[in-house]
Protein backbone atom coordinates (compact mmCIF):
# COMPACT_ATOMS: atom_id res chain seq x y z
CA UNK A 1 4.04 -14.79 -3.00
CA UNK A 2 5.43 -16.78 -5.89
CA UNK A 3 8.00 -15.54 -8.41
CA UNK A 4 5.33 -15.59 -11.12
CA UNK A 5 2.98 -13.51 -8.97
CA UNK A 6 5.80 -11.06 -8.33
CA UNK A 7 6.44 -10.83 -12.07
CA UNK A 8 2.78 -10.25 -12.95
CA UNK A 9 2.42 -7.69 -10.18
CA UNK A 10 5.50 -5.88 -11.45
CA UNK A 11 4.10 -5.78 -14.99
CA UNK A 12 0.85 -4.26 -13.80
CA UNK A 13 2.56 -1.73 -11.54
CA UNK A 14 4.96 -0.52 -14.23
CA UNK A 15 2.17 -0.32 -16.80
CA UNK A 16 0.10 1.81 -14.44
CA UNK A 17 3.00 4.27 -14.19
CA UNK A 18 3.40 4.54 -17.95
CA UNK A 19 6.60 2.54 -18.42
CA UNK A 20 6.83 1.83 -22.15
CA UNK A 21 7.81 -1.85 -22.00
CA UNK A 22 6.46 -3.21 -18.70
CA UNK A 23 6.75 -6.91 -19.59
CA UNK A 24 10.37 -6.64 -20.66
CA UNK A 25 11.36 -4.42 -17.74
CA UNK A 26 9.57 -6.66 -15.25
CA UNK A 27 11.30 -9.77 -16.59
CA UNK A 28 14.70 -8.08 -16.38
CA UNK A 29 14.15 -6.92 -12.80
CA UNK A 30 12.76 -10.25 -11.61
CA UNK A 31 15.64 -12.13 -13.21
CA UNK A 32 18.19 -9.74 -11.70
CA UNK A 33 16.83 -10.37 -8.20
CA UNK A 34 15.74 -14.02 -8.32
CA UNK A 35 17.82 -15.49 -11.14
CA UNK A 36 14.65 -16.74 -12.84
CA UNK A 37 14.34 -15.63 -16.45
CA UNK A 38 11.06 -15.09 -18.24
CA UNK A 39 11.71 -18.24 -20.25
CA UNK A 40 12.00 -20.32 -17.09
CA UNK A 41 8.87 -18.87 -15.52
CA UNK A 42 6.72 -21.95 -16.41
CA UNK A 43 9.21 -24.18 -14.54
CA UNK A 44 10.34 -22.02 -11.63
CA UNK A 45 7.62 -19.40 -11.38
CA UNK A 46 5.69 -21.32 -8.71
CA UNK A 47 8.54 -21.10 -6.24
CA UNK A 48 8.05 -18.67 -3.38
CA UNK A 49 10.06 -15.47 -3.55
CA UNK A 50 12.02 -14.98 -0.31
CA UNK A 51 11.05 -11.84 1.68
CA UNK A 52 14.52 -10.30 1.27
CA UNK A 53 14.34 -10.70 -2.50
CA UNK A 54 10.84 -9.24 -2.63
CA UNK A 55 11.98 -6.23 -0.60
CA UNK A 56 14.88 -5.66 -2.99
CA UNK A 57 12.67 -6.15 -6.04
CA UNK A 58 10.03 -3.79 -4.72
CA UNK A 59 12.62 -1.04 -4.22
CA UNK A 60 13.82 -1.49 -7.82
CA UNK A 61 10.25 -1.48 -9.13
CA UNK A 62 9.50 1.79 -7.36
CA UNK A 63 12.56 3.43 -8.90
CA UNK A 64 11.71 2.14 -12.37
CA UNK A 65 8.16 3.47 -11.99
CA UNK A 66 9.76 6.88 -11.46
CA UNK A 67 11.45 6.38 -14.86
CA UNK A 68 14.87 5.74 -13.36
CA UNK A 69 16.82 3.93 -16.13
CA UNK A 70 16.46 0.17 -16.16
CA UNK A 71 20.11 -0.14 -17.19
CA UNK A 72 21.29 1.65 -14.05
CA UNK A 73 19.10 -0.55 -11.87
CA UNK A 74 20.57 -3.67 -13.44
CA UNK A 75 24.13 -2.29 -13.36
CA UNK A 76 24.93 -3.91 -16.69
CA UNK A 77 23.80 -3.62 -20.29
CA UNK A 78 24.64 -5.42 -23.51
CA UNK A 79 26.22 -3.75 -26.53
CA UNK A 80 27.55 -5.51 -29.63
CA UNK A 81 27.00 -8.82 -27.86
CA UNK A 82 29.21 -7.81 -24.92
CA UNK A 83 28.24 -6.96 -21.31
CA UNK A 84 29.07 -3.48 -20.02
CA UNK A 85 28.94 -2.17 -16.48
CA UNK A 86 26.87 1.02 -16.29
CA UNK A 87 25.63 3.35 -13.58
CA UNK A 88 25.12 6.99 -12.76
CA UNK A 89 27.83 9.10 -14.33
CA UNK A 90 28.17 7.18 -17.59
CA UNK A 91 26.15 7.24 -20.79
CA UNK A 92 24.12 4.08 -21.41
CA UNK A 93 25.24 2.19 -24.57
CA UNK A 94 22.57 2.26 -27.28
CA UNK A 95 21.94 -0.02 -30.25
CA UNK A 96 22.24 2.92 -32.68
CA UNK A 97 25.93 3.20 -31.80
CA UNK A 98 26.57 -0.30 -33.15
CA UNK A 99 26.30 1.32 -36.60
CA UNK A 100 29.42 3.35 -35.77
CA UNK A 101 31.29 0.22 -34.67
CA UNK A 102 30.29 -1.63 -37.84
CA UNK A 103 31.43 1.31 -39.96
CA UNK A 104 34.75 1.47 -38.14
CA UNK A 105 35.41 -2.23 -38.59
CA UNK A 106 34.67 -1.92 -42.30
CA UNK A 107 37.10 0.99 -42.63
CA UNK A 108 39.82 -1.05 -40.91
CA UNK A 109 39.61 -3.94 -43.35
CA UNK A 110 43.00 -4.57 -44.88
CA UNK A 111 44.85 -2.51 -42.24
CA UNK A 112 47.27 -4.54 -40.13
CA UNK A 113 47.78 -3.54 -36.49
CA UNK A 114 45.73 -0.34 -36.79
CA UNK A 115 45.88 2.54 -34.34
CA UNK A 116 42.41 3.82 -33.45
CA UNK A 117 41.06 6.70 -31.36
CA UNK A 118 37.76 6.42 -29.54
CA UNK A 119 37.07 10.02 -28.55
CA UNK A 120 34.48 10.74 -25.82
CA UNK A 121 34.69 7.06 -24.97
CA UNK A 122 32.27 7.03 -22.01
CA UNK A 123 31.64 3.43 -20.97
CA UNK A 124 34.26 2.21 -23.43
CA UNK A 125 31.66 0.29 -25.41
CA UNK A 126 32.97 1.41 -28.82
CA UNK A 127 36.61 0.68 -27.98
CA UNK A 128 35.78 -2.73 -26.50
CA UNK A 129 33.52 -3.70 -29.39
CA UNK A 130 36.21 -2.86 -31.95
CA UNK A 131 38.85 -4.64 -29.88
CA UNK A 132 36.69 -7.74 -29.67
CA UNK A 133 36.81 -8.03 -33.46
CA UNK A 134 40.30 -6.61 -34.01
CA UNK A 135 42.61 -7.86 -31.25
CA UNK A 136 45.57 -6.58 -33.28
CA UNK A 137 44.37 -2.98 -32.91
CA UNK A 138 45.82 -0.41 -30.51
CA UNK A 139 42.89 1.73 -29.36
CA UNK A 140 43.20 4.96 -27.38
CA UNK A 141 39.93 5.50 -25.50
CA UNK A 142 39.80 9.14 -24.41
CA UNK A 143 37.35 10.32 -21.74
CA UNK A 144 37.30 13.46 -19.57
CA UNK A 145 34.80 12.45 -16.88
CA UNK A 146 36.36 10.73 -13.87
CA UNK A 147 33.06 8.97 -13.15
CA UNK A 148 32.77 7.61 -16.67
CA UNK A 149 36.48 6.76 -16.73
CA UNK A 150 36.04 4.27 -13.88
CA UNK A 151 33.51 2.37 -16.01
CA UNK A 152 35.72 2.72 -19.08
CA UNK A 153 38.73 1.15 -17.37
CA UNK A 154 36.62 -1.70 -15.96
CA UNK A 155 34.82 -2.45 -19.22
CA UNK A 156 37.94 -2.45 -21.37
CA UNK A 157 40.11 -4.47 -18.97
CA UNK A 158 39.49 -7.73 -20.87
CA UNK A 159 40.93 -6.13 -24.01
CA UNK A 160 44.67 -5.45 -23.67
CA UNK A 161 44.74 -3.46 -26.91
CA UNK A 162 42.63 -0.69 -25.38
CA UNK A 163 44.51 2.14 -23.67
CA UNK A 164 42.20 4.30 -21.51
CA UNK A 165 43.23 7.97 -21.49
CA UNK A 166 41.79 10.39 -18.92
CA UNK A 167 41.90 13.69 -20.80
CA UNK A 168 39.85 16.44 -22.39
CA UNK A 169 39.57 15.68 -26.09
CA UNK A 170 39.98 19.40 -26.83
CA UNK A 171 43.52 19.11 -25.41
CA UNK A 172 44.47 15.47 -26.05
CA UNK A 173 45.47 15.53 -29.73
CA UNK A 174 49.20 16.32 -29.17
CA UNK A 175 49.46 13.47 -26.63
CA UNK A 176 48.42 10.77 -29.07
CA UNK A 177 50.39 9.00 -31.82
CA UNK A 178 49.27 9.09 -35.42
CA UNK A 179 46.29 6.89 -36.16
CA UNK A 180 44.50 5.06 -38.94
CA UNK A 181 40.98 5.75 -37.70
CA UNK A 182 39.08 8.15 -35.44
CA UNK A 183 35.75 7.02 -34.03
CA UNK A 184 33.61 9.31 -31.94
CA UNK A 185 30.13 9.41 -30.48
CA UNK A 186 30.44 12.82 -28.85
CA UNK A 187 27.81 14.90 -27.06
CA UNK A 188 25.53 16.28 -29.78
CA UNK A 189 22.35 17.63 -28.18
CA UNK A 190 21.50 21.31 -28.47
CA UNK A 191 20.16 23.35 -25.56
CA UNK A 192 16.68 23.07 -27.04
CA UNK A 193 16.93 19.28 -27.24
CA UNK A 194 18.22 19.11 -23.67
CA UNK A 195 15.01 20.80 -22.55
CA UNK A 196 12.91 18.09 -24.23
CA UNK A 197 14.62 14.96 -22.93
CA UNK A 198 12.67 11.89 -21.90
CA UNK A 199 12.65 11.47 -18.12
CA UNK A 200 14.94 8.43 -18.25
CA UNK A 201 17.61 10.37 -20.16
CA UNK A 202 17.68 13.17 -17.57
CA UNK A 203 19.38 10.74 -15.19
CA UNK A 204 22.31 10.35 -17.58
CA UNK A 205 25.31 12.70 -17.31
CA UNK A 206 24.74 16.05 -18.98
CA UNK A 207 28.41 16.22 -19.92
CA UNK A 208 27.85 13.24 -22.23
CA UNK A 209 24.79 14.79 -23.89
CA UNK A 210 25.00 18.58 -24.21
CA UNK A 211 26.99 20.30 -26.96
CA UNK A 212 26.90 23.98 -27.84
CA UNK A 213 26.58 25.46 -31.32
CA UNK A 214 23.32 23.65 -31.99
CA UNK A 215 24.98 20.38 -31.04
CA UNK A 216 27.98 20.77 -33.35
CA UNK A 217 30.79 21.92 -31.03
CA UNK A 218 32.49 18.54 -30.71
CA UNK A 219 32.24 17.70 -34.40
CA UNK A 220 33.78 21.05 -35.27
CA UNK A 221 36.67 20.68 -32.84
CA UNK A 222 37.49 17.06 -33.66
CA UNK A 223 37.32 17.59 -37.43
CA UNK A 224 39.84 20.42 -37.16
CA UNK A 225 42.17 19.53 -34.29
CA UNK A 226 42.61 15.85 -35.11
CA UNK A 227 43.01 16.13 -38.87
CA UNK A 228 46.85 16.21 -38.63
CA UNK A 229 46.86 13.06 -36.46
CA UNK A 230 45.38 10.83 -39.15
CA UNK A 231 47.75 8.90 -41.39
CA UNK A 232 47.40 9.01 -45.20
CA UNK A 233 44.56 6.75 -46.31
CA UNK A 234 43.13 6.97 -42.77
CA UNK A 235 39.55 7.78 -41.85
CA UNK A 236 37.22 9.48 -39.39
CA UNK A 237 33.69 8.40 -38.44
CA UNK A 238 31.15 10.23 -36.28
CA UNK A 239 27.87 9.14 -34.81
CA UNK A 240 25.44 12.01 -35.41
CA UNK A 241 22.04 13.01 -34.14
CA UNK A 242 18.79 13.16 -36.04
CA UNK A 243 19.09 15.66 -38.93
CA UNK A 244 22.76 16.42 -38.16
CA UNK A 245 24.38 14.36 -40.90
CA UNK A 246 24.39 17.18 -43.46
CA UNK A 247 25.88 19.67 -41.00
CA UNK A 248 28.57 17.21 -39.94
CA UNK A 249 29.37 16.60 -43.61
CA UNK A 250 29.89 20.32 -44.15
CA UNK A 251 32.24 20.56 -41.14
CA UNK A 252 34.32 17.66 -42.40
CA UNK A 253 34.56 19.13 -45.88
CA UNK A 254 35.55 22.55 -44.49
CA UNK A 255 38.46 20.92 -42.66
CA UNK A 256 39.89 19.04 -45.61
CA UNK A 257 38.31 15.61 -45.25
CA UNK A 258 37.48 13.80 -48.49
CA UNK A 259 35.13 11.14 -49.83
CA UNK A 260 32.46 11.86 -47.24
CA UNK A 261 29.75 9.23 -46.92
CA UNK A 262 26.83 8.40 -44.60
CA UNK A 263 25.38 5.23 -43.15
CA UNK A 264 21.87 4.65 -41.84
CA UNK A 265 21.00 2.85 -38.63
CA UNK A 266 18.35 0.12 -38.40
CA UNK A 267 15.63 2.78 -38.20
CA UNK A 268 16.67 4.35 -41.50
CA UNK A 269 18.19 7.43 -39.84
CA UNK A 270 21.52 8.72 -41.14
CA UNK A 271 23.47 7.84 -37.99
CA UNK A 272 27.11 7.82 -39.11
CA UNK A 273 29.10 10.25 -41.22
CA UNK A 274 32.57 9.11 -42.27
CA UNK A 275 35.35 10.44 -44.44
CA UNK A 276 38.90 9.89 -45.70
CA UNK A 277 41.97 11.89 -44.72
């Protein structure tokens, strides 16, 4: 069997099992196993695929057909132009969250050597993305899950300004120095939303997804408990779920935050709510 035949067979197999993007997924899996990208298929696709590689690829295909996340199969995923190690136990970085990073970087303009919190840091993608653009920043990346923390420490190792902190954010505020900016993409799914998850998402850690109070528990706690930590002229910015921006705005206002604004993601959804101290 050639690499091209393996690719085409993978496309057909994944399509038959209802995978939404069979061509893309097949190209990613084939490249991960053989090193041959979709772009190089015309040149290298006629090479035979070794039996050991085909066995490995077939096992990955079968898992993907069961809607196991592609990102976990690959073990790495890109966010903000950077590679991040991912696997079971850590939330997969998503393009929507780049809106939060962009907002944070905008809020840090003109601030020299800023101190930043990344609360519910998960894979560390937010902290690393900010650090990649602001090497002068000191960023405290706080995560409670030991499984996620192992990915966080690995992913942020290239950025000396990031300080991983293994702690519950509900208890961590007194441990941290004053800051210029809080960024957080916390769990924000309600119990009802958890019951309607796509199959792929059910493989991701529940601790990174579920939030009580109709998905508002983390917003409420952070807005209140961390308000004293923010320096004058500092800011806070949340990623929020679909239709949560207004509720998050109310929570911020109730806890003394000012100049509350919202930013849409590329799909036109109000994805970030931010405010001044």
